[in-house]
């Protein structure tokens, strides 16, 4: 005869509904982002000089693009000394 302890070990919840549609796409995208961020973090930890150089270059490029876009939107018909 079976012991009572063995009868307590079993599935007691409800089966989870499989992901479909938008939820499946969102879960897949989330998993991909997690994998990529961990890969970037690992690479940055292994090569800190390269990571900091890339961060500075990306920051300088973003500043330059922002400056050019900002200065091109200024009305040039009024001079500074007028």
C-alpha atoms as a PDB file:
ATOM      1  CA  UNK A   1       0.000   0.000   0.000  1.00  0.00           C
ATOM      2  CA  UNK A   2       1.243   3.529  -0.797  1.00  0.00           C
ATOM      3  CA  UNK A   3       2.382   5.834   1.950  1.00  0.00           C
ATOM      4  CA  UNK A   4       0.431   9.034   2.572  1.00  0.00           C
ATOM      5  CA  UNK A   5       3.597  11.168   2.116  1.00  0.00           C
ATOM      6  CA  UNK A   6       3.811  10.235  -1.549  1.00  0.00           C
ATOM      7  CA  UNK A   7       0.259  11.355  -2.201  1.00  0.00           C
ATOM      8  CA  UNK A   8       0.998  14.942  -1.103  1.00  0.00           C
ATOM      9  CA  UNK A   9       3.532  15.518  -3.882  1.00  0.00           C
ATOM     10  CA  UNK A  10       1.637  16.479  -6.985  1.00  0.00           C
ATOM     11  CA  UNK A  11       0.420  19.297  -9.167  1.00  0.00           C
ATOM     12  CA  UNK A  12      -1.999  21.439  -7.188  1.00  0.00           C
ATOM     13  CA  UNK A  13      -2.340  24.519  -9.438  1.00  0.00           C
ATOM     14  CA  UNK A  14      -4.066  25.177 -12.689  1.00  0.00           C
ATOM     15  CA  UNK A  15      -2.270  24.744 -16.009  1.00  0.00           C
ATOM     16  CA  UNK A  16      -0.884  27.986 -17.396  1.00  0.00           C
ATOM     17  CA  UNK A  17      -2.414  29.214 -20.608  1.00  0.00           C
ATOM     18  CA  UNK A  18       0.150  29.166 -23.424  1.00  0.00           C
ATOM     19  CA  UNK A  19       1.245  32.579 -24.643  1.00  0.00           C
ATOM     20  CA  UNK A  20      -0.310  33.684 -27.900  1.00  0.00           C
ATOM     21  CA  UNK A  21      -0.470  36.812 -30.003  1.00  0.00           C
ATOM     22  CA  UNK A  22       0.900  40.011 -28.506  1.00  0.00           C
ATOM     23  CA  UNK A  23       1.875  38.358 -25.219  1.00  0.00           C
ATOM     24  CA  UNK A  24       4.059  35.839 -27.060  1.00  0.00           C
ATOM     25  CA  UNK A  25       5.729  38.565 -29.136  1.00  0.00           C
ATOM     26  CA  UNK A  26       6.310  40.689 -26.031  1.00  0.00           C
ATOM     27  CA  UNK A  27       7.816  37.749 -24.134  1.00  0.00           C
ATOM     28  CA  UNK A  28      10.101  36.892 -27.049  1.00  0.00           C
ATOM     29  CA  UNK A  29      11.251  40.511 -27.328  1.00  0.00           C
ATOM     30  CA  UNK A  30      11.845  40.706 -23.577  1.00  0.00           C
ATOM     31  CA  UNK A  31      13.953  37.553 -23.660  1.00  0.00           C
ATOM     32  CA  UNK A  32      16.001  38.910 -26.570  1.00  0.00           C
ATOM     33  CA  UNK A  33      16.625  42.227 -24.794  1.00  0.00           C
ATOM     34  CA  UNK A  34      17.718  40.416 -21.624  1.00  0.00           C
ATOM     35  CA  UNK A  35      20.166  38.261 -23.607  1.00  0.00           C
ATOM     36  CA  UNK A  36      21.641  41.244 -25.452  1.00  0.00           C
ATOM     37  CA  UNK A  37      22.028  43.393 -22.337  1.00  0.00           C
ATOM     38  CA  UNK A  38      23.800  40.598 -20.509  1.00  0.00           C
ATOM     39  CA  UNK A  39      26.112  40.125 -23.510  1.00  0.00           C
ATOM     40  CA  UNK A  40      26.899  43.863 -23.579  1.00  0.00           C
ATOM     41  CA  UNK A  41      27.506  43.918 -19.821  1.00  0.00           C
ATOM     42  CA  UNK A  42      29.833  40.927 -20.073  1.00  0.00           C
ATOM     43  CA  UNK A  43      31.775  42.498 -22.946  1.00  0.00           C
ATOM     44  CA  UNK A  44      32.035  45.810 -21.067  1.00  0.00           C
ATOM     45  CA  UNK A  45      33.335  44.011 -17.980  1.00  0.00           C
ATOM     46  CA  UNK A  46      35.973  42.197 -20.031  1.00  0.00           C
ATOM     47  CA  UNK A  47      37.058  45.315 -21.966  1.00  0.00           C
ATOM     48  CA  UNK A  48      36.504  48.409 -19.788  1.00  0.00           C
ATOM     49  CA  UNK A  49      38.728  50.765 -21.828  1.00  0.00           C
ATOM     50  CA  UNK A  50      36.910  49.951 -25.053  1.00  0.00           C
ATOM     51  CA  UNK A  51      33.527  50.336 -23.372  1.00  0.00           C
ATOM     52  CA  UNK A  52      34.388  53.745 -21.918  1.00  0.00           C
ATOM     53  CA  UNK A  53      35.838  54.918 -25.240  1.00  0.00           C
ATOM     54  CA  UNK A  54      32.662  53.868 -27.054  1.00  0.00           C
ATOM     55  CA  UNK A  55      30.519  55.609 -24.441  1.00  0.00           C
ATOM     56  CA  UNK A  56      32.467  58.866 -24.847  1.00  0.00           C
ATOM     57  CA  UNK A  57      32.329  58.669 -28.646  1.00  0.00           C
ATOM     58  CA  UNK A  58      28.592  57.969 -28.663  1.00  0.00           C
ATOM     59  CA  UNK A  59      28.043  60.863 -26.246  1.00  0.00           C
ATOM     60  CA  UNK A  60      30.116  63.230 -28.392  1.00  0.00           C
ATOM     61  CA  UNK A  61      28.253  62.138 -31.517  1.00  0.00           C
ATOM     62  CA  UNK A  62      24.881  62.648 -29.819  1.00  0.00           C
ATOM     63  CA  UNK A  63      25.964  66.102 -28.599  1.00  0.00           C
ATOM     64  CA  UNK A  64      27.123  67.069 -32.096  1.00  0.00           C
ATOM     65  CA  UNK A  65      23.889  65.906 -33.701  1.00  0.00           C
ATOM     66  CA  UNK A  66      21.860  67.779 -31.079  1.00  0.00           C
ATOM     67  CA  UNK A  67      23.910  70.925 -31.551  1.00  0.00           C
ATOM     68  CA  UNK A  68      23.570  70.848 -35.344  1.00  0.00           C
ATOM     69  CA  UNK A  69      19.830  70.209 -35.191  1.00  0.00           C
ATOM     70  CA  UNK A  70      19.369  72.899 -32.550  1.00  0.00           C
ATOM     71  CA  UNK A  71      21.399  75.519 -34.370  1.00  0.00           C
ATOM     72  CA  UNK A  72      19.678  74.814 -37.674  1.00  0.00           C
ATOM     73  CA  UNK A  73      16.270  75.522 -36.132  1.00  0.00           C
ATOM     74  CA  UNK A  74      17.254  79.024 -34.956  1.00  0.00           C
ATOM     75  CA  UNK A  75      15.865  81.939 -36.939  1.00  0.00           C
ATOM     76  CA  UNK A  76      18.903  83.563 -38.596  1.00  0.00           C
ATOM     77  CA  UNK A  77      17.246  86.715 -39.845  1.00  0.00           C
ATOM     78  CA  UNK A  78      17.867  88.582 -36.551  1.00  0.00           C
ATOM     79  CA  UNK A  79      21.491  89.314 -35.852  1.00  0.00           C
ATOM     80  CA  UNK A  80      23.060  89.259 -32.415  1.00  0.00           C
ATOM     81  CA  UNK A  81      24.121  92.926 -32.471  1.00  0.00           C
ATOM     82  CA  UNK A  82      20.868  94.375 -33.701  1.00  0.00           C
END
